Amino acid sequence: MKSMKITKMVLAFALMAFVSIGAFAQEKPSPAKTAEGMVGDAKVTINYSSPAVKGRTVWGELVPMGEVWRAGANEATTFTTSKEIMVEGKKLPAGTYSFFIIPGEYESTLIFNKVAKQWGAFEYNPKEDALRVSVPSQQTSSMEERLVYEVMPSGFEIRWEYGKASAKLGM
């Protein structure tokens, strides 16, 4: 009788542990996110995976300066515009692009690449770039734990840790 109770307790404990581990495993370390907005009559959509800082130094360590970065986690970030727009005064035709950044201490290069489906930046080819623009690298006073993009009528912004970059968009 006593051994049956112990067996039931062990089974109940094992089941609870299994359910807890399963629930924890389902939490994604870099969840998929979408930033959307209108720029004139063009719809702009940025799809990305949002990694967390988790106590790490992002700029210059986790993300090296001066090297192509996928601008998110997992698959390359994509940038879609329903109509031709201007990015920092340069034309970007309607379409979906992979989006990369070459971060720098004072200036960063934003890259719109014609090969939209890529895993990270491992097969990035600069010959496929549709557009490159330079923007100032900025520091913020507030910490952004997760990578975030925001689309506004006048442009878009990327923020992570204490770093920020913005690009002007227009028609």
C-alpha atoms as a PDB file:
ATOM      1  CA  MET A   1       0.000   0.000   0.000  1.00  0.00           C
ATOM      2  CA  LYS A   2       2.778   2.386   1.013  1.00  0.00           C
ATOM      3  CA  SER A   3       4.867   1.531  -2.077  1.00  0.00           C
ATOM      4  CA  MET A   4       1.830   2.235  -4.297  1.00  0.00           C
ATOM      5  CA  LYS A   5       1.502   5.729  -2.776  1.00  0.00           C
ATOM      6  CA  ILE A   6       5.199   6.362  -3.327  1.00  0.00           C
ATOM      7  CA  THR A   7       4.921   5.154  -6.937  1.00  0.00           C
ATOM      8  CA  LYS A   8       1.962   7.501  -7.566  1.00  0.00           C
ATOM      9  CA  MET A   9       3.857  10.402  -5.988  1.00  0.00           C
ATOM     10  CA  VAL A  10       6.941   9.702  -8.116  1.00  0.00           C
ATOM     11  CA  LEU A  11       4.784   9.494 -11.261  1.00  0.00           C
ATOM     12  CA  ALA A  12       2.987  12.733 -10.345  1.00  0.00           C
ATOM     13  CA  PHE A  13       6.317  14.465  -9.712  1.00  0.00           C
ATOM     14  CA  ALA A  14       7.755  13.157 -13.008  1.00  0.00           C
ATOM     15  CA  LEU A  15       4.670  14.365 -14.905  1.00  0.00           C
ATOM     16  CA  MET A  16       4.910  17.846 -13.329  1.00  0.00           C
ATOM     17  CA  ALA A  17       8.621  18.039 -14.157  1.00  0.00           C
ATOM     18  CA  PHE A  18       7.966  16.965 -17.757  1.00  0.00           C
ATOM     19  CA  VAL A  19       5.207  19.572 -18.198  1.00  0.00           C
ATOM     20  CA  SER A  20       7.404  22.291 -16.646  1.00  0.00           C
ATOM     21  CA  ILE A  21      10.356  21.453 -18.893  1.00  0.00           C
ATOM     22  CA  GLY A  22       8.059  21.369 -21.930  1.00  0.00           C
ATOM     23  CA  ALA A  23       6.621  24.785 -21.106  1.00  0.00           C
ATOM     24  CA  PHE A  24      10.091  26.248 -20.578  1.00  0.00           C
ATOM     25  CA  ALA A  25      11.368  24.762 -23.844  1.00  0.00           C
ATOM     26  CA  GLN A  26       8.531  26.455 -25.755  1.00  0.00           C
ATOM     27  CA  GLU A  27       9.716  29.939 -24.764  1.00  0.00           C
ATOM     28  CA  LYS A  28      11.674  31.147 -27.766  1.00  0.00           C
ATOM     29  CA  PRO A  29      14.945  32.940 -27.054  1.00  0.00           C
ATOM     30  CA  SER A  30      14.491  35.208 -30.099  1.00  0.00           C
ATOM     31  CA  PRO A  31      10.756  35.422 -30.829  1.00  0.00           C
ATOM     32  CA  ALA A  32       9.525  36.471 -34.272  1.00  0.00           C
ATOM     33  CA  LYS A  33       8.300  40.067 -34.389  1.00  0.00           C
ATOM     34  CA  THR A  34       6.795  42.372 -37.002  1.00  0.00           C
ATOM     35  CA  ALA A  35       6.958  46.163 -37.260  1.00  0.00           C
ATOM     36  CA  GLU A  36       4.524  47.784 -39.699  1.00  0.00           C
ATOM     37  CA  GLY A  37       3.584  51.266 -40.729  1.00  0.00           C
ATOM     38  CA  MET A  38       2.633  53.535 -43.591  1.00  0.00           C
ATOM     39  CA  VAL A  39       5.024  55.821 -45.410  1.00  0.00           C
ATOM     40  CA  GLY A  40       2.754  57.927 -47.576  1.00  0.00           C
ATOM     41  CA  ASP A  41       0.619  55.316 -49.314  1.00  0.00           C
ATOM     42  CA  ALA A  42       3.296  52.600 -49.111  1.00  0.00           C
ATOM     43  CA  LYS A  43       2.975  49.889 -46.481  1.00  0.00           C
ATOM     44  CA  VAL A  44       6.327  49.035 -44.863  1.00  0.00           C
ATOM     45  CA  THR A  45       6.748  45.742 -42.995  1.00  0.00           C
ATOM     46  CA  ILE A  46       9.851  44.576 -41.142  1.00  0.00           C
ATOM     47  CA  ASN A  47       9.933  40.918 -40.029  1.00  0.00           C
ATOM     48  CA  TYR A  48      12.686  39.964 -37.608  1.00  0.00           C
ATOM     49  CA  SER A  49      13.649  37.730 -34.708  1.00  0.00           C
ATOM     50  CA  SER A  50      14.137  39.693 -31.487  1.00  0.00           C
ATOM     51  CA  PRO A  51      17.106  38.486 -29.403  1.00  0.00           C
ATOM     52  CA  ALA A  52      17.619  39.651 -25.827  1.00  0.00           C
ATOM     53  CA  VAL A  53      20.688  41.304 -24.320  1.00  0.00           C
ATOM     54  CA  LYS A  54      20.762  38.848 -21.366  1.00  0.00           C
ATOM     55  CA  GLY A  55      23.567  40.726 -19.607  1.00  0.00           C
ATOM     56  CA  ARG A  56      25.863  40.679 -22.625  1.00  0.00           C
ATOM     57  CA  THR A  57      27.620  43.603 -24.293  1.00  0.00           C
ATOM     58  CA  VAL A  58      25.966  43.783 -27.724  1.00  0.00           C
ATOM     59  CA  TRP A  59      27.777  46.394 -29.823  1.00  0.00           C
ATOM     60  CA  GLY A  60      31.403  45.555 -30.466  1.00  0.00           C
ATOM     61  CA  GLU A  61      31.251  42.136 -28.793  1.00  0.00           C
ATOM     62  CA  LEU A  62      28.152  40.058 -29.596  1.00  0.00           C
ATOM     63  CA  VAL A  63      27.691  42.070 -32.808  1.00  0.00           C
ATOM     64  CA  PRO A  64      31.149  42.999 -34.179  1.00  0.00           C
ATOM     65  CA  MET A  65      31.655  46.519 -35.506  1.00  0.00           C
ATOM     66  CA  GLY A  66      32.456  46.851 -39.201  1.00  0.00           C
ATOM     67  CA  GLU A  67      31.006  43.453 -40.196  1.00  0.00           C
ATOM     68  CA  VAL A  68      27.740  42.543 -41.917  1.00  0.00           C
ATOM     69  CA  TRP A  69      25.098  41.604 -39.319  1.00  0.00           C
ATOM     70  CA  ARG A  70      21.704  40.034 -40.091  1.00  0.00           C
ATOM     71  CA  ALA A  71      19.970  42.761 -38.058  1.00  0.00           C
ATOM     72  CA  GLY A  72      18.195  40.252 -35.823  1.00  0.00           C
ATOM     73  CA  ALA A  73      18.497  36.561 -35.022  1.00  0.00           C
ATOM     74  CA  ASN A  74      17.879  33.338 -36.955  1.00  0.00           C
ATOM     75  CA  GLU A  75      16.817  34.092 -40.547  1.00  0.00           C
ATOM     76  CA  ALA A  76      17.845  37.418 -41.995  1.00  0.00           C
ATOM     77  CA  THR A  77      15.491  40.283 -41.186  1.00  0.00           C
ATOM     78  CA  THR A  78      13.224  41.196 -44.105  1.00  0.00           C
ATOM     79  CA  PHE A  79      12.091  44.650 -45.160  1.00  0.00           C
ATOM     80  CA  THR A  80       9.034  44.871 -47.434  1.00  0.00           C
ATOM     81  CA  THR A  81       7.601  47.946 -49.117  1.00  0.00           C
ATOM     82  CA  SER A  82       4.387  47.800 -51.142  1.00  0.00           C
ATOM     83  CA  LYS A  83       5.480  50.748 -53.333  1.00  0.00           C
ATOM     84  CA  GLU A  84       8.696  52.434 -54.328  1.00  0.00           C
ATOM     85  CA  ILE A  85       9.981  54.589 -51.475  1.00  0.00           C
ATOM     86  CA  MET A  86      12.968  56.795 -50.761  1.00  0.00           C
ATOM     87  CA  VAL A  87      15.413  55.676 -48.068  1.00  0.00           C
ATOM     88  CA  GLU A  88      17.689  58.506 -46.972  1.00  0.00           C
ATOM     89  CA  GLY A  89      16.905  60.186 -50.318  1.00  0.00           C
ATOM     90  CA  LYS A  90      17.682  57.105 -52.452  1.00  0.00           C
ATOM     91  CA  LYS A  91      15.102  55.023 -54.369  1.00  0.00           C
ATOM     92  CA  LEU A  92      14.142  51.565 -53.154  1.00  0.00           C
ATOM     93  CA  PRO A  93      11.742  49.748 -55.519  1.00  0.00           C
ATOM     94  CA  ALA A  94       8.674  47.946 -54.152  1.00  0.00           C
ATOM     95  CA  GLY A  95       9.512  44.433 -52.960  1.00  0.00           C
ATOM     96  CA  THR A  96      10.879  42.303 -50.159  1.00  0.00           C
ATOM     97  CA  TYR A  97      14.542  42.516 -49.234  1.00  0.00           C
ATOM     98  CA  SER A  98      16.789  40.931 -46.654  1.00  0.00           C
ATOM     99  CA  PHE A  99      18.003  43.680 -44.357  1.00  0.00           C
ATOM    100  CA  PHE A 100      21.530  43.836 -42.982  1.00  0.00           C
ATOM    101  CA  ILE A 101      23.522  46.372 -41.014  1.00  0.00           C
ATOM    102  CA  ILE A 102      27.232  47.059 -40.844  1.00  0.00           C
ATOM    103  CA  PRO A 103      27.402  48.714 -37.420  1.00  0.00           C
ATOM    104  CA  GLY A 104      30.002  51.341 -36.708  1.00  0.00           C
ATOM    105  CA  GLU A 105      30.824  53.485 -33.709  1.00  0.00           C
ATOM    106  CA  TYR A 106      29.811  56.743 -35.425  1.00  0.00           C
ATOM    107  CA  GLU A 107      28.072  55.613 -38.619  1.00  0.00           C
ATOM    108  CA  SER A 108      26.273  52.441 -39.685  1.00  0.00           C
ATOM    109  CA  THR A 109      25.484  51.120 -43.160  1.00  0.00           C
ATOM    110  CA  LEU A 110      21.946  49.837 -43.799  1.00  0.00           C
ATOM    111  CA  ILE A 111      21.775  47.241 -46.570  1.00  0.00           C
ATOM    112  CA  PHE A 112      18.707  46.153 -48.571  1.00  0.00           C
ATOM    113  CA  ASN A 113      19.620  42.913 -50.381  1.00  0.00           C
ATOM    114  CA  LYS A 114      17.582  41.371 -53.231  1.00  0.00           C
ATOM    115  CA  VAL A 115      17.860  37.819 -51.806  1.00  0.00           C
ATOM    116  CA  ALA A 116      15.041  37.961 -49.259  1.00  0.00           C
ATOM    117  CA  LYS A 117      15.228  34.406 -47.876  1.00  0.00           C
ATOM    118  CA  GLN A 118      18.588  33.864 -46.183  1.00  0.00           C
ATOM    119  CA  TRP A 119      19.708  32.212 -42.978  1.00  0.00           C
ATOM    120  CA  GLY A 120      21.607  34.869 -41.099  1.00  0.00           C
ATOM    121  CA  ALA A 121      24.329  36.574 -43.119  1.00  0.00           C
ATOM    122  CA  PHE A 122      26.247  33.394 -43.932  1.00  0.00           C
ATOM    123  CA  GLU A 123      25.594  33.549 -47.678  1.00  0.00           C
ATOM    124  CA  TYR A 124      25.217  37.323 -47.941  1.00  0.00           C
ATOM    125  CA  ASN A 125      26.468  38.551 -51.328  1.00  0.00           C
ATOM    126  CA  PRO A 126      27.071  42.297 -51.753  1.00  0.00           C
ATOM    127  CA  LYS A 127      26.534  41.908 -55.529  1.00  0.00           C
ATOM    128  CA  GLU A 128      22.833  41.363 -54.702  1.00  0.00           C
ATOM    129  CA  ASP A 129      22.460  44.656 -52.810  1.00  0.00           C
ATOM    130  CA  ALA A 130      19.588  46.790 -54.080  1.00  0.00           C
ATOM    131  CA  LEU A 131      20.529  49.745 -51.868  1.00  0.00           C
ATOM    132  CA  ARG A 132      23.045  50.816 -49.217  1.00  0.00           C
ATOM    133  CA  VAL A 133      22.693  53.949 -47.115  1.00  0.00           C
ATOM    134  CA  SER A 134      24.738  55.376 -44.264  1.00  0.00           C
ATOM    135  CA  VAL A 135      23.104  56.685 -41.104  1.00  0.00           C
ATOM    136  CA  PRO A 136      24.535  58.009 -37.820  1.00  0.00           C
ATOM    137  CA  SER A 137      25.039  55.459 -35.040  1.00  0.00           C
ATOM    138  CA  GLN A 138      23.417  56.788 -31.896  1.00  0.00           C
ATOM    139  CA  GLN A 139      23.524  56.078 -28.163  1.00  0.00           C
ATOM    140  CA  THR A 140      20.416  56.084 -25.999  1.00  0.00           C
ATOM    141  CA  SER A 141      20.130  56.655 -22.272  1.00  0.00           C
ATOM    142  CA  SER A 142      17.592  53.871 -21.823  1.00  0.00           C
ATOM    143  CA  MET A 143      18.334  50.156 -22.140  1.00  0.00           C
ATOM    144  CA  GLU A 144      16.348  48.149 -24.721  1.00  0.00           C
ATOM    145  CA  GLU A 145      16.521  44.494 -23.544  1.00  0.00           C
ATOM    146  CA  ARG A 146      15.089  43.077 -26.794  1.00  0.00           C
ATOM    147  CA  LEU A 147      15.899  44.148 -30.313  1.00  0.00           C
ATOM    148  CA  VAL A 148      13.057  46.320 -31.590  1.00  0.00           C
ATOM    149  CA  TYR A 149      12.145  47.956 -34.890  1.00  0.00           C
ATOM    150  CA  GLU A 150       9.625  50.762 -35.190  1.00  0.00           C
ATOM    151  CA  VAL A 151       8.116  52.076 -38.440  1.00  0.00           C
ATOM    152  CA  MET A 152       6.862  55.673 -38.446  1.00  0.00           C
ATOM    153  CA  PRO A 153       5.470  57.849 -41.273  1.00  0.00           C
ATOM    154  CA  SER A 154       8.840  59.590 -41.603  1.00  0.00           C
ATOM    155  CA  GLY A 155      11.136  56.585 -41.257  1.00  0.00           C
ATOM    156  CA  PHE A 156      12.104  53.567 -39.210  1.00  0.00           C
ATOM    157  CA  GLU A 157      14.267  52.931 -36.199  1.00  0.00           C
ATOM    158  CA  ILE A 158      16.174  49.977 -34.785  1.00  0.00           C
ATOM    159  CA  ARG A 159      17.044  49.896 -31.066  1.00  0.00           C
ATOM    160  CA  TRP A 160      18.925  47.364 -28.969  1.00  0.00           C
ATOM    161  CA  GLU A 161      20.859  47.625 -25.727  1.00  0.00           C
ATOM    162  CA  TYR A 162      21.987  51.294 -25.681  1.00  0.00           C
ATOM    163  CA  GLY A 163      22.348  51.584 -29.470  1.00  0.00           C
ATOM    164  CA  LYS A 164      19.998  53.093 -32.031  1.00  0.00           C
ATOM    165  CA  ALA A 165      19.962  53.810 -35.770  1.00  0.00           C
ATOM    166  CA  SER A 166      17.255  55.625 -37.737  1.00  0.00           C
ATOM    167  CA  ALA A 167      16.591  56.023 -41.449  1.00  0.00           C
ATOM    168  CA  LYS A 168      14.393  58.620 -43.149  1.00  0.00           C
ATOM    169  CA  LEU A 169      11.722  57.202 -45.463  1.00  0.00           C
ATOM    170  CA  GLY A 170       9.575  59.066 -47.969  1.00  0.00           C
ATOM    171  CA  MET A 171       7.761  58.843 -51.267  1.00  0.00           C
END
